[in-house]
N, C-alpha and C. Protein backbone atom coordinates (compact mmCIF):
# COMPACT_ATOMS: atom_id res chain seq x y z
N MET A 1 -5.57 -1.81 -59.03
CA MET A 1 -4.62 -2.58 -58.25
C MET A 1 -4.01 -1.73 -57.13
N ARG A 2 -3.65 -0.49 -57.51
CA ARG A 2 -3.04 0.39 -56.53
C ARG A 2 -3.99 0.73 -55.38
N GLY A 3 -5.25 0.97 -55.67
CA GLY A 3 -6.25 1.29 -54.66
C GLY A 3 -6.46 0.12 -53.70
N LEU A 4 -6.33 -1.10 -54.21
CA LEU A 4 -6.50 -2.29 -53.39
C LEU A 4 -5.37 -2.40 -52.36
N LYS A 5 -4.13 -2.12 -52.77
CA LYS A 5 -2.98 -2.14 -51.83
C LYS A 5 -3.16 -1.08 -50.74
N LYS A 6 -3.58 0.10 -51.15
CA LYS A 6 -3.77 1.18 -50.18
C LYS A 6 -4.88 0.82 -49.19
N GLN A 7 -5.97 0.26 -49.68
CA GLN A 7 -7.06 -0.15 -48.82
C GLN A 7 -6.61 -1.24 -47.84
N ARG A 8 -5.79 -2.18 -48.30
CA ARG A 8 -5.29 -3.27 -47.46
C ARG A 8 -4.38 -2.72 -46.35
N ARG A 9 -3.53 -1.74 -46.69
CA ARG A 9 -2.66 -1.12 -45.68
C ARG A 9 -3.48 -0.41 -44.61
N ILE A 10 -4.51 0.30 -45.02
CA ILE A 10 -5.37 1.00 -44.06
C ILE A 10 -6.04 -0.01 -43.13
N GLN A 11 -6.50 -1.13 -43.69
CA GLN A 11 -7.13 -2.16 -42.87
C GLN A 11 -6.14 -2.74 -41.86
N ILE A 12 -4.92 -2.96 -42.27
CA ILE A 12 -3.90 -3.51 -41.37
C ILE A 12 -3.58 -2.52 -40.25
N VAL A 13 -3.43 -1.25 -40.60
CA VAL A 13 -3.15 -0.21 -39.60
C VAL A 13 -4.31 -0.12 -38.61
N LEU A 14 -5.53 -0.11 -39.08
CA LEU A 14 -6.70 -0.03 -38.19
C LEU A 14 -6.80 -1.27 -37.30
N ALA A 15 -6.56 -2.45 -37.85
CA ALA A 15 -6.62 -3.68 -37.07
C ALA A 15 -5.54 -3.68 -35.99
N THR A 16 -4.36 -3.19 -36.33
CA THR A 16 -3.28 -3.10 -35.35
C THR A 16 -3.64 -2.12 -34.23
N PHE A 17 -4.22 -0.98 -34.58
CA PHE A 17 -4.62 0.01 -33.59
C PHE A 17 -5.70 -0.56 -32.66
N VAL A 18 -6.69 -1.23 -33.22
CA VAL A 18 -7.76 -1.84 -32.41
C VAL A 18 -7.18 -2.90 -31.47
N ALA A 19 -6.27 -3.73 -31.97
CA ALA A 19 -5.65 -4.76 -31.14
C ALA A 19 -4.85 -4.12 -30.00
N LEU A 20 -4.15 -3.03 -30.27
CA LEU A 20 -3.39 -2.33 -29.24
C LEU A 20 -4.31 -1.76 -28.16
N VAL A 21 -5.41 -1.14 -28.56
CA VAL A 21 -6.35 -0.58 -27.60
C VAL A 21 -6.98 -1.69 -26.76
N VAL A 22 -7.40 -2.77 -27.38
CA VAL A 22 -8.02 -3.88 -26.65
C VAL A 22 -7.02 -4.50 -25.67
N SER A 23 -5.78 -4.70 -26.09
CA SER A 23 -4.79 -5.29 -25.18
C SER A 23 -4.49 -4.35 -24.01
N THR A 24 -4.43 -3.06 -24.24
CA THR A 24 -4.19 -2.09 -23.16
C THR A 24 -5.33 -2.12 -22.15
N VAL A 25 -6.56 -2.16 -22.63
CA VAL A 25 -7.72 -2.22 -21.73
C VAL A 25 -7.70 -3.52 -20.93
N LEU A 26 -7.40 -4.64 -21.56
CA LEU A 26 -7.36 -5.92 -20.85
C LEU A 26 -6.25 -5.96 -19.80
N ILE A 27 -5.10 -5.40 -20.09
CA ILE A 27 -4.00 -5.36 -19.13
C ILE A 27 -4.39 -4.47 -17.94
N GLY A 28 -4.97 -3.33 -18.22
CA GLY A 28 -5.42 -2.44 -17.14
C GLY A 28 -6.47 -3.10 -16.26
N TYR A 29 -7.40 -3.80 -16.87
CA TYR A 29 -8.44 -4.49 -16.10
C TYR A 29 -7.85 -5.61 -15.24
N ALA A 30 -6.90 -6.33 -15.77
CA ALA A 30 -6.27 -7.42 -15.03
C ALA A 30 -5.46 -6.90 -13.85
N MET A 31 -4.88 -5.72 -13.98
CA MET A 31 -4.01 -5.18 -12.93
C MET A 31 -4.75 -4.35 -11.89
N LYS A 32 -6.03 -4.05 -12.09
CA LYS A 32 -6.71 -3.11 -11.19
C LYS A 32 -6.72 -3.59 -9.75
N ASP A 33 -6.80 -4.88 -9.51
CA ASP A 33 -6.79 -5.39 -8.14
C ASP A 33 -5.39 -5.47 -7.57
N GLY A 34 -4.38 -5.42 -8.40
CA GLY A 34 -3.00 -5.54 -7.93
C GLY A 34 -2.35 -4.20 -7.62
N ILE A 35 -3.03 -3.12 -7.89
CA ILE A 35 -2.46 -1.80 -7.65
C ILE A 35 -2.96 -1.31 -6.29
N ASN A 36 -2.06 -1.17 -5.35
CA ASN A 36 -2.41 -0.69 -4.01
C ASN A 36 -1.64 0.59 -3.74
N PHE A 37 -2.34 1.66 -3.49
CA PHE A 37 -1.71 2.93 -3.24
C PHE A 37 -1.26 3.02 -1.78
N PHE A 38 -0.14 3.67 -1.56
CA PHE A 38 0.39 3.86 -0.21
C PHE A 38 -0.19 5.14 0.39
N ARG A 39 -0.54 5.05 1.67
CA ARG A 39 -1.01 6.23 2.40
C ARG A 39 -0.36 6.24 3.77
N ALA A 40 0.00 7.42 4.23
CA ALA A 40 0.51 7.60 5.58
C ALA A 40 -0.70 7.75 6.51
N PRO A 41 -0.55 7.46 7.81
CA PRO A 41 -1.67 7.61 8.73
C PRO A 41 -2.30 9.01 8.69
N SER A 42 -1.51 10.06 8.55
CA SER A 42 -2.07 11.42 8.47
C SER A 42 -2.99 11.57 7.27
N GLN A 43 -2.62 10.97 6.15
CA GLN A 43 -3.46 11.03 4.95
C GLN A 43 -4.76 10.25 5.15
N VAL A 44 -4.67 9.11 5.83
CA VAL A 44 -5.85 8.28 6.07
C VAL A 44 -6.84 9.02 6.98
N VAL A 45 -6.32 9.69 8.01
CA VAL A 45 -7.19 10.43 8.93
C VAL A 45 -7.80 11.64 8.23
N ALA A 46 -7.02 12.34 7.42
CA ALA A 46 -7.50 13.54 6.74
C ALA A 46 -8.54 13.21 5.67
N GLU A 47 -8.29 12.17 4.89
CA GLU A 47 -9.19 11.77 3.81
C GLU A 47 -9.39 10.27 3.85
N PRO A 48 -10.30 9.76 4.68
CA PRO A 48 -10.49 8.31 4.79
C PRO A 48 -10.97 7.71 3.47
N PRO A 49 -10.32 6.63 3.03
CA PRO A 49 -10.76 5.97 1.80
C PRO A 49 -12.04 5.17 2.06
N SER A 50 -12.70 4.77 0.99
CA SER A 50 -13.91 3.96 1.15
C SER A 50 -13.55 2.59 1.70
N SER A 51 -14.53 1.92 2.31
CA SER A 51 -14.24 0.64 2.96
C SER A 51 -13.98 -0.49 1.98
N ASN A 52 -14.25 -0.29 0.70
CA ASN A 52 -13.96 -1.35 -0.27
C ASN A 52 -12.64 -1.13 -1.01
N GLU A 53 -11.92 -0.07 -0.66
CA GLU A 53 -10.64 0.23 -1.33
C GLU A 53 -9.48 -0.41 -0.56
N THR A 54 -8.71 -1.23 -1.26
CA THR A 54 -7.52 -1.84 -0.67
C THR A 54 -6.35 -0.90 -0.89
N PHE A 55 -5.59 -0.63 0.18
CA PHE A 55 -4.43 0.25 0.07
C PHE A 55 -3.38 -0.19 1.08
N ARG A 56 -2.22 0.44 1.00
CA ARG A 56 -1.12 0.15 1.94
C ARG A 56 -0.97 1.33 2.88
N ILE A 57 -0.71 1.01 4.14
CA ILE A 57 -0.46 2.05 5.14
C ILE A 57 0.87 1.73 5.79
N GLY A 58 1.61 2.75 6.14
CA GLY A 58 2.92 2.50 6.75
C GLY A 58 3.29 3.58 7.74
N GLY A 59 4.15 3.21 8.64
CA GLY A 59 4.64 4.13 9.65
C GLY A 59 5.32 3.34 10.74
N LEU A 60 5.33 3.90 11.93
CA LEU A 60 5.91 3.22 13.08
C LEU A 60 4.81 2.62 13.93
N VAL A 61 5.08 1.43 14.50
CA VAL A 61 4.13 0.82 15.42
C VAL A 61 4.20 1.65 16.70
N GLU A 62 3.08 2.25 17.06
CA GLU A 62 3.03 3.16 18.20
C GLU A 62 3.30 2.42 19.51
N GLU A 63 4.17 3.01 20.33
CA GLU A 63 4.57 2.38 21.59
C GLU A 63 3.37 2.27 22.54
N GLY A 64 3.24 1.11 23.17
CA GLY A 64 2.19 0.87 24.14
C GLY A 64 0.85 0.45 23.54
N THR A 65 0.79 0.26 22.22
CA THR A 65 -0.49 -0.09 21.60
C THR A 65 -0.56 -1.54 21.14
N LEU A 66 0.53 -2.26 21.18
CA LEU A 66 0.55 -3.63 20.69
C LEU A 66 -0.14 -4.55 21.69
N VAL A 67 -1.28 -5.12 21.27
CA VAL A 67 -2.07 -6.00 22.12
C VAL A 67 -2.33 -7.29 21.35
N ARG A 68 -1.89 -8.39 21.93
CA ARG A 68 -2.12 -9.68 21.29
C ARG A 68 -3.42 -10.26 21.85
N GLY A 69 -4.35 -10.55 20.96
CA GLY A 69 -5.65 -11.08 21.37
C GLY A 69 -5.64 -12.59 21.38
N GLN A 70 -6.83 -13.15 21.35
CA GLN A 70 -6.94 -14.61 21.33
C GLN A 70 -6.55 -15.12 19.95
N GLY A 71 -5.89 -16.26 19.94
CA GLY A 71 -5.46 -16.84 18.67
C GLY A 71 -4.37 -16.01 18.03
N LYS A 72 -4.54 -15.73 16.77
CA LYS A 72 -3.51 -14.99 16.03
C LYS A 72 -3.89 -13.54 15.77
N THR A 73 -4.89 -13.03 16.47
CA THR A 73 -5.33 -11.64 16.28
C THR A 73 -4.47 -10.68 17.07
N VAL A 74 -4.01 -9.65 16.40
CA VAL A 74 -3.14 -8.64 17.02
C VAL A 74 -3.74 -7.26 16.72
N ARG A 75 -3.71 -6.38 17.72
CA ARG A 75 -4.17 -5.00 17.56
C ARG A 75 -3.03 -4.06 17.93
N PHE A 76 -2.91 -3.00 17.17
CA PHE A 76 -1.90 -1.98 17.45
C PHE A 76 -2.27 -0.73 16.67
N SER A 77 -1.54 0.33 16.88
CA SER A 77 -1.73 1.56 16.11
C SER A 77 -0.46 1.86 15.34
N VAL A 78 -0.64 2.39 14.15
CA VAL A 78 0.49 2.81 13.33
C VAL A 78 0.44 4.33 13.26
N THR A 79 1.61 4.95 13.39
CA THR A 79 1.67 6.41 13.42
C THR A 79 2.79 6.93 12.51
N ASP A 80 2.62 8.16 12.06
CA ASP A 80 3.69 8.85 11.34
C ASP A 80 4.11 10.09 12.12
N GLY A 81 3.68 10.16 13.36
CA GLY A 81 3.99 11.31 14.20
C GLY A 81 2.92 12.37 14.17
N GLY A 82 2.11 12.38 13.11
CA GLY A 82 1.06 13.37 12.99
C GLY A 82 -0.31 12.82 13.33
N ALA A 83 -0.50 11.53 13.09
CA ALA A 83 -1.79 10.88 13.37
C ALA A 83 -1.55 9.40 13.58
N SER A 84 -2.50 8.76 14.23
CA SER A 84 -2.43 7.32 14.47
C SER A 84 -3.68 6.66 13.91
N VAL A 85 -3.49 5.45 13.39
CA VAL A 85 -4.61 4.67 12.87
C VAL A 85 -4.58 3.31 13.54
N PRO A 86 -5.70 2.89 14.17
CA PRO A 86 -5.73 1.56 14.77
C PRO A 86 -5.72 0.48 13.69
N VAL A 87 -5.02 -0.61 13.97
CA VAL A 87 -4.87 -1.70 13.02
C VAL A 87 -5.24 -3.00 13.72
N VAL A 88 -5.93 -3.87 13.00
CA VAL A 88 -6.19 -5.22 13.49
C VAL A 88 -5.69 -6.19 12.41
N PHE A 89 -5.01 -7.23 12.85
CA PHE A 89 -4.43 -8.20 11.92
C PHE A 89 -4.61 -9.59 12.51
N THR A 90 -5.08 -10.51 11.70
CA THR A 90 -5.18 -11.90 12.12
C THR A 90 -4.24 -12.71 11.25
N GLY A 91 -3.25 -13.29 11.89
CA GLY A 91 -2.25 -14.07 11.17
C GLY A 91 -0.96 -14.07 11.94
N VAL A 92 0.08 -14.55 11.28
CA VAL A 92 1.39 -14.62 11.91
C VAL A 92 2.18 -13.37 11.52
N LEU A 93 2.62 -12.64 12.54
CA LEU A 93 3.42 -11.43 12.30
C LEU A 93 4.86 -11.81 11.97
N PRO A 94 5.56 -10.95 11.22
CA PRO A 94 6.98 -11.19 10.98
C PRO A 94 7.75 -11.22 12.30
N ASP A 95 8.83 -11.97 12.35
CA ASP A 95 9.63 -12.10 13.58
C ASP A 95 10.13 -10.76 14.10
N LEU A 96 10.47 -9.85 13.22
CA LEU A 96 11.05 -8.57 13.63
C LEU A 96 10.01 -7.50 13.93
N PHE A 97 8.73 -7.85 13.94
CA PHE A 97 7.67 -6.89 14.21
C PHE A 97 7.65 -6.54 15.69
N GLU A 98 7.74 -5.25 16.02
CA GLU A 98 7.69 -4.81 17.41
C GLU A 98 7.37 -3.33 17.46
N GLU A 99 7.15 -2.81 18.66
CA GLU A 99 6.82 -1.40 18.84
C GLU A 99 8.00 -0.51 18.44
N ASN A 100 7.68 0.69 17.98
CA ASN A 100 8.66 1.69 17.53
C ASN A 100 9.48 1.23 16.33
N GLN A 101 8.96 0.29 15.57
CA GLN A 101 9.64 -0.18 14.36
C GLN A 101 8.76 0.11 13.15
N GLY A 102 9.40 0.26 12.01
CA GLY A 102 8.67 0.53 10.77
C GLY A 102 7.90 -0.68 10.30
N MET A 103 6.75 -0.42 9.70
CA MET A 103 5.93 -1.49 9.14
C MET A 103 5.10 -0.94 7.98
N VAL A 104 4.70 -1.85 7.11
CA VAL A 104 3.78 -1.53 6.03
C VAL A 104 2.72 -2.62 6.03
N GLY A 105 1.46 -2.22 5.99
CA GLY A 105 0.36 -3.18 5.96
C GLY A 105 -0.52 -2.96 4.76
N THR A 106 -1.09 -4.05 4.26
CA THR A 106 -2.03 -3.98 3.14
C THR A 106 -3.40 -4.40 3.66
N GLY A 107 -4.43 -3.65 3.31
CA GLY A 107 -5.77 -3.99 3.77
C GLY A 107 -6.76 -2.90 3.45
N ARG A 108 -7.83 -2.83 4.29
CA ARG A 108 -8.91 -1.87 4.07
C ARG A 108 -9.24 -1.16 5.37
N LEU A 109 -9.76 0.05 5.26
CA LEU A 109 -10.20 0.82 6.42
C LEU A 109 -11.70 0.58 6.60
N VAL A 110 -12.07 -0.07 7.72
CA VAL A 110 -13.47 -0.37 7.99
C VAL A 110 -13.84 0.23 9.34
N ASN A 111 -14.78 1.17 9.33
CA ASN A 111 -15.23 1.86 10.54
C ASN A 111 -14.07 2.46 11.34
N GLY A 112 -13.13 3.07 10.64
CA GLY A 112 -12.02 3.75 11.31
C GLY A 112 -10.89 2.84 11.75
N VAL A 113 -11.00 1.53 11.50
CA VAL A 113 -9.95 0.58 11.87
C VAL A 113 -9.40 -0.05 10.60
N PHE A 114 -8.08 -0.04 10.47
CA PHE A 114 -7.43 -0.66 9.31
C PHE A 114 -7.38 -2.17 9.52
N GLU A 115 -8.08 -2.91 8.69
CA GLU A 115 -8.08 -4.37 8.77
C GLU A 115 -7.04 -4.89 7.79
N ALA A 116 -5.90 -5.29 8.34
CA ALA A 116 -4.76 -5.69 7.51
C ALA A 116 -4.89 -7.15 7.09
N THR A 117 -4.53 -7.41 5.85
CA THR A 117 -4.45 -8.78 5.34
C THR A 117 -3.00 -9.23 5.25
N GLU A 118 -2.09 -8.25 5.28
CA GLU A 118 -0.65 -8.55 5.20
C GLU A 118 0.11 -7.48 5.96
N ILE A 119 1.11 -7.92 6.72
CA ILE A 119 1.97 -6.99 7.46
C ILE A 119 3.42 -7.29 7.09
N LEU A 120 4.14 -6.25 6.74
CA LEU A 120 5.57 -6.37 6.46
C LEU A 120 6.32 -5.53 7.49
N ALA A 121 7.41 -6.07 8.00
CA ALA A 121 8.24 -5.35 8.96
C ALA A 121 9.63 -5.19 8.37
N LYS A 122 10.38 -4.28 8.94
CA LYS A 122 11.75 -4.09 8.47
C LYS A 122 12.55 -5.36 8.68
N HIS A 123 13.55 -5.58 7.83
CA HIS A 123 14.30 -6.82 7.94
C HIS A 123 15.69 -6.65 8.53
N ASP A 124 16.16 -5.47 8.73
CA ASP A 124 17.39 -5.23 9.48
C ASP A 124 17.34 -3.83 10.06
N GLU A 125 18.30 -3.47 10.83
CA GLU A 125 18.19 -2.21 11.56
C GLU A 125 18.32 -0.97 10.69
N ASN A 126 18.77 -1.10 9.45
CA ASN A 126 18.92 0.07 8.60
C ASN A 126 17.81 0.21 7.57
N TYR A 127 16.95 -0.80 7.44
CA TYR A 127 15.93 -0.76 6.39
C TYR A 127 14.61 -0.23 6.91
N MET A 128 14.01 0.64 6.12
CA MET A 128 12.64 1.06 6.35
C MET A 128 12.08 1.36 4.96
N PRO A 129 10.86 0.92 4.67
CA PRO A 129 10.30 1.16 3.34
C PRO A 129 10.36 2.64 2.97
N LYS A 130 10.66 2.91 1.70
CA LYS A 130 10.84 4.27 1.21
C LYS A 130 9.63 5.15 1.51
N GLU A 131 8.42 4.60 1.32
CA GLU A 131 7.22 5.38 1.56
C GLU A 131 7.10 5.77 3.03
N VAL A 132 7.49 4.86 3.93
CA VAL A 132 7.41 5.14 5.37
C VAL A 132 8.40 6.25 5.73
N VAL A 133 9.62 6.16 5.21
CA VAL A 133 10.64 7.19 5.48
C VAL A 133 10.14 8.55 5.01
N GLU A 134 9.57 8.61 3.80
CA GLU A 134 9.07 9.88 3.28
C GLU A 134 7.94 10.44 4.14
N ALA A 135 7.03 9.55 4.60
CA ALA A 135 5.92 10.01 5.44
C ALA A 135 6.44 10.52 6.79
N LEU A 136 7.41 9.82 7.36
CA LEU A 136 7.97 10.25 8.65
C LEU A 136 8.75 11.54 8.51
N LYS A 137 9.49 11.69 7.41
CA LYS A 137 10.22 12.95 7.17
C LYS A 137 9.25 14.11 7.01
N ALA A 138 8.12 13.88 6.35
CA ALA A 138 7.13 14.93 6.17
C ALA A 138 6.56 15.40 7.51
N GLN A 139 6.49 14.49 8.48
CA GLN A 139 5.99 14.84 9.81
C GLN A 139 7.11 15.34 10.73
N GLY A 140 8.37 15.21 10.29
CA GLY A 140 9.50 15.69 11.08
C GLY A 140 9.89 14.77 12.21
N VAL A 141 9.55 13.48 12.13
CA VAL A 141 9.87 12.55 13.21
C VAL A 141 10.87 11.46 12.77
N TYR A 142 11.36 11.54 11.55
CA TYR A 142 12.29 10.51 11.07
C TYR A 142 13.69 10.73 11.64
N LYS A 143 14.29 9.66 12.12
CA LYS A 143 15.68 9.71 12.60
C LYS A 143 16.51 8.82 11.71
N GLU A 144 17.65 9.34 11.28
CA GLU A 144 18.55 8.56 10.45
C GLU A 144 19.06 7.36 11.25
N PRO A 145 19.33 6.21 10.59
CA PRO A 145 19.89 5.05 11.31
C PRO A 145 21.18 5.43 12.03
N GLY A 146 21.28 5.03 13.28
CA GLY A 146 22.45 5.34 14.08
C GLY A 146 22.25 6.55 14.99
N ASP A 147 21.24 7.41 14.65
CA ASP A 147 20.95 8.55 15.53
C ASP A 147 20.14 8.04 16.72
N SER A 148 20.36 8.62 17.86
CA SER A 148 19.56 8.21 19.05
C SER A 148 18.88 9.39 19.68
């Protein structure tokens, strides 16, 4: 009788462990497309990701590079002060999107051009995404809000 209880406990512990491993693997597999790593333009230029990797890029919209094409296609460059990456986006830009302003885009790097599927712009004069601020500070070009 005692051996049967011990055997049953071992089976329950093993079944629980297997269920935990299977659920962890399934959660990781489900989230793999939702995880987008942030890269600064300098990082993208130094180590270009593969063309099938979706990631986020952020920095300042480089002055003089914003070109509106036919329809909803827009071209510009994003910079962190150390390097610039050309960006192409087809869609409606946020109202506050403009040159010399912070932005974060999600997409892929194809033949040296970042093809964005989503563009986010700052929503007030004091906000800039944390990753963009850190990248700009690393390049020594970040100015605190209110500094001119």
